[in-house]
C-alpha atoms as a PDB file:
ATOM      1  CA  MET A   1      -4.893  -5.125   4.737  1.00  0.00           C
ATOM      2  CA  ALA A   2      -4.585  -8.235   2.631  1.00  0.00           C
ATOM      3  CA  PRO A   3      -4.709  -8.182  -1.187  1.00  0.00           C
ATOM      4  CA  LYS A   4      -8.245  -7.418  -2.428  1.00  0.00           C
ATOM      5  CA  GLU A   5      -9.306  -6.359   1.089  1.00  0.00           C
ATOM      6  CA  GLN A   6     -10.976  -2.979   1.351  1.00  0.00           C
ATOM      7  CA  ALA A   7     -11.726  -0.454   4.055  1.00  0.00           C
ATOM      8  CA  VAL A   8     -14.435   2.205   4.133  1.00  0.00           C
ATOM      9  CA  PHE A   9     -13.743   5.480   5.898  1.00  0.00           C
ATOM     10  CA  ASP A  10     -17.068   6.930   7.044  1.00  0.00           C
ATOM     11  CA  PRO A  11     -18.538   9.505   7.141  1.00  0.00           C
ATOM     12  CA  HIS A  12     -16.345  10.772   4.295  1.00  0.00           C
ATOM     13  CA  GLY A  13     -17.303   8.050   1.807  1.00  0.00           C
ATOM     14  CA  LEU A  14     -13.773   6.934   0.931  1.00  0.00           C
ATOM     15  CA  THR A  15     -13.227   3.283   0.036  1.00  0.00           C
ATOM     16  CA  VAL A  16      -9.649   1.996  -0.288  1.00  0.00           C
ATOM     17  CA  GLN A  17      -8.717  -1.445  -1.596  1.00  0.00           C
ATOM     18  CA  PHE A  18      -5.229  -2.963  -1.493  1.00  0.00           C
ATOM     19  CA  VAL A  19      -4.883  -4.422  -4.987  1.00  0.00           C
ATOM     20  CA  ARG A  20      -1.332  -5.780  -5.080  1.00  0.00           C
ATOM     21  CA  VAL A  21       2.373  -5.181  -4.608  1.00  0.00           C
ATOM     22  CA  VAL A  22       3.693  -3.735  -7.869  1.00  0.00           C
ATOM     23  CA  GLU A  23       7.397  -3.826  -6.993  1.00  0.00           C
ATOM     24  CA  ASP A  24       9.407  -5.151  -4.068  1.00  0.00           C
ATOM     25  CA  SER A  25      13.108  -4.374  -4.291  1.00  0.00           C
ATOM     26  CA  ARG A  26      13.651  -4.133  -0.524  1.00  0.00           C
ATOM     27  CA  CYS A  27      16.925  -5.482   0.769  1.00  0.00           C
ATOM     28  CA  PRO A  28      16.375  -8.916   2.370  1.00  0.00           C
ATOM     29  CA  THR A  29      16.774  -8.826   6.149  1.00  0.00           C
ATOM     30  CA  ASP A  30      19.514 -11.480   6.079  1.00  0.00           C
ATOM     31  CA  VAL A  31      21.719  -9.607   3.564  1.00  0.00           C
ATOM     32  CA  THR A  32      23.815  -6.433   3.754  1.00  0.00           C
ATOM     33  CA  CYS A  33      22.871  -4.081   0.913  1.00  0.00           C
ATOM     34  CA  VAL A  34      24.215  -0.761  -0.332  1.00  0.00           C
ATOM     35  CA  TRP A  35      20.652   0.423  -1.032  1.00  0.00           C
ATOM     36  CA  ALA A  36      17.632  -0.349   1.173  1.00  0.00           C
ATOM     37  CA  GLY A  37      15.332  -0.733  -1.833  1.00  0.00           C
ATOM     38  CA  GLU A  38      11.645   0.053  -1.887  1.00  0.00           C
ATOM     39  CA  VAL A  39       8.229  -1.504  -2.114  1.00  0.00           C
ATOM     40  CA  LYS A  40       5.396  -0.035  -4.180  1.00  0.00           C
ATOM     41  CA  VAL A  41       1.728  -0.979  -3.819  1.00  0.00           C
ATOM     42  CA  GLN A  42      -1.310  -0.495  -6.018  1.00  0.00           C
ATOM     43  CA  LEU A  43      -4.428   0.854  -4.322  1.00  0.00           C
ATOM     44  CA  SER A  44      -7.900   1.301  -5.749  1.00  0.00           C
ATOM     45  CA  THR A  45      -9.849   4.226  -4.306  1.00  0.00           C
ATOM     46  CA  ARG A  46     -13.376   5.473  -4.649  1.00  0.00           C
ATOM     47  CA  ILE A  47     -15.209   8.388  -3.065  1.00  0.00           C
ATOM     48  CA  ASP A  48     -18.946   7.793  -2.642  1.00  0.00           C
ATOM     49  CA  ALA A  49     -20.392   6.478  -5.932  1.00  0.00           C
ATOM     50  CA  ALA A  50     -17.597   7.788  -8.185  1.00  0.00           C
ATOM     51  CA  ALA A  51     -15.634   5.465 -10.452  1.00  0.00           C
ATOM     52  CA  ALA A  52     -12.613   3.784  -8.881  1.00  0.00           C
ATOM     53  CA  ASP A  53      -9.138   5.257  -9.438  1.00  0.00           C
ATOM     54  CA  GLN A  54      -5.864   3.323  -9.329  1.00  0.00           C
ATOM     55  CA  HIS A  55      -2.802   4.631  -7.472  1.00  0.00           C
ATOM     56  CA  GLU A  56       0.736   3.322  -7.081  1.00  0.00           C
ATOM     57  CA  ILE A  57       2.341   4.484  -3.841  1.00  0.00           C
ATOM     58  CA  THR A  58       5.797   3.664  -2.494  1.00  0.00           C
ATOM     59  CA  ALA A  59       6.041   2.722   1.186  1.00  0.00           C
ATOM     60  CA  GLY A  60       7.032   5.739   3.259  1.00  0.00           C
ATOM     61  CA  GLN A  61       5.365   8.096   0.790  1.00  0.00           C
ATOM     62  CA  HIS A  62       1.810   9.288   0.275  1.00  0.00           C
ATOM     63  CA  GLY A  63      -0.756   9.776  -2.428  1.00  0.00           C
ATOM     64  CA  THR A  64      -3.613  12.252  -2.673  1.00  0.00           C
ATOM     65  CA  VAL A  65      -7.223  11.255  -3.283  1.00  0.00           C
ATOM     66  CA  GLY A  66      -9.595  14.211  -3.201  1.00  0.00           C
ATOM     67  CA  ASP A  67      -9.293  15.678   0.299  1.00  0.00           C
ATOM     68  CA  PHE A  68      -7.433  12.616   1.619  1.00  0.00           C
ATOM     69  CA  GLN A  69      -3.780  11.735   2.048  1.00  0.00           C
ATOM     70  CA  LEU A  70      -2.995   8.002   1.896  1.00  0.00           C
ATOM     71  CA  PHE A  71       0.260   6.974   3.569  1.00  0.00           C
ATOM     72  CA  VAL A  72       1.774   3.523   3.056  1.00  0.00           C
ATOM     73  CA  VAL A  73       3.157   2.950   6.554  1.00  0.00           C
ATOM     74  CA  LYS A  74       4.353  -0.645   6.319  1.00  0.00           C
ATOM     75  CA  VAL A  75       4.400  -3.614   3.949  1.00  0.00           C
ATOM     76  CA  GLU A  76       4.874  -7.111   5.369  1.00  0.00           C
ATOM     77  CA  PRO A  77       6.389  -9.639   5.374  1.00  0.00           C
ATOM     78  CA  GLU A  78      10.004  -8.514   5.225  1.00  0.00           C
ATOM     79  CA  ARG A  79      12.044 -10.049   2.421  1.00  0.00           C
ATOM     80  CA  ILE A  80      14.447 -12.936   3.090  1.00  0.00           C
ATOM     81  CA  SER A  81      17.027 -13.911   0.465  1.00  0.00           C
ATOM     82  CA  THR A  82      16.155 -17.622   0.496  1.00  0.00           C
ATOM     83  CA  ARG A  83      12.402 -17.261   0.013  1.00  0.00           C
ATOM     84  CA  GLU A  84      10.035 -15.678  -2.492  1.00  0.00           C
ATOM     85  CA  ILE A  85       6.963 -13.905  -1.141  1.00  0.00           C
ATOM     86  CA  SER A  86       3.750 -14.944  -2.866  1.00  0.00           C
ATOM     87  CA  ALA A  87       1.305 -12.185  -3.810  1.00  0.00           C
ATOM     88  CA  ASP A  88      -1.330 -13.315  -1.308  1.00  0.00           C
ATOM     89  CA  GLU A  89       1.122 -13.182   1.636  1.00  0.00           C
ATOM     90  CA  TYR A  90       1.578  -9.414   1.486  1.00  0.00           C
ATOM     91  CA  ARG A  91      -0.098  -7.158   4.042  1.00  0.00           C
ATOM     92  CA  VAL A  92      -0.121  -3.374   3.928  1.00  0.00           C
ATOM     93  CA  THR A  93      -0.676  -0.888   6.742  1.00  0.00           C
ATOM     94  CA  LEU A  94      -2.154   2.424   5.621  1.00  0.00           C
ATOM     95  CA  LYS A  95      -2.764   5.727   7.345  1.00  0.00           C
ATOM     96  CA  VAL A  96      -5.553   7.889   5.958  1.00  0.00           C
ATOM     97  CA  ALA A  97      -5.771  11.583   6.797  1.00  0.00           C
ATOM     98  CA  HIS A  98      -8.666  13.856   5.838  1.00  0.00           C
ATOM     99  CA  SER A  99      -7.427  17.374   5.139  1.00  0.00           C
ATOM    100  CA  ARG A 100     -10.626  19.264   5.944  1.00  0.00           C
END
């Protein structure tokens, strides 16, 4: 998903929007780091006609929205030490699981 893009998961009525990358401290691919770093994204979620909620989820972790688990599977592009990533370049891959 690109920033501001949303997906609707029918028939459960869940809408998820990728808002932005909040933090990207991942180690650039062309550098050797002691710590791999992490990337955290902001998602906006809504179930049916309810008000939207904001969530910050770190890649590799999950958040809970009602009966759903949202997993941030991947955030692209990878960091490179010689180049800044602009906000609109980011793409996030999510996995949504319904627990019922």
